[in-house]
């Protein structure tokens, strides 16, 4: 199992960063988005409409167990939404951005993409593809053990339309993939990924309108926000 080419409406504006899914197999760029008022790109239903096997969050009982070659994760606690994401402020938008990536780790560890999809607009190409890729992996009977991502240098500025837009640095967490046929592959995280983001306020909270990978620290070409 590999990451989508390797590596988390109410608004009608065109996406400004059309990053086309998954560059994770060499850079741990991550593949997920859907508008909260529309249909989510994917949830816990498999492609034939049945409940996807292997989706295992926390039901409040049992000790947390990470995914392994023996089986999927069990009883992992779902990240709690910070109250600050309801604040109409820069701090609120930043909290929502960090929460989105926490949900990405949870989705990749459990196959449960519902919350991640709900924190994304359908305009977010990367978000949508991320969610769909995670769903596809678990539909195939495969799974991940994903370590946490780290965000730093978040620099968001308020736009004339009320959204917050800017850049941040992502250190992608390492992960191990387990396939249904028993193969295991470990992947190191990729530090220094440069990203751009746009957050919009919908239904009383900030959610991701767009996420796009720009480059990695040390790339010869360099990069900048659009």
Foldseek 3Di string as FASTA:
>chain_A
DAAPCAAFDVDDDAAPAQAAEHVRHVARDFAAEAELVDDFLDFQAAPVRHGFPQQAEAPPDDDWDFADLVGATHRHHQDDQDPLQLDLDPVNQVSLVLNRQSLLQVCQRGVGRVVRHHQHHPSANRNSGNNVRSNVCSNQVKGKNFDGKDKDDDDWDADPVSKTKDKIWIFGTKMWIAGPVRDIDTGHTHGAWIKIFIWDADPRGIGTHYIHTFGGPPDPVDGDDD
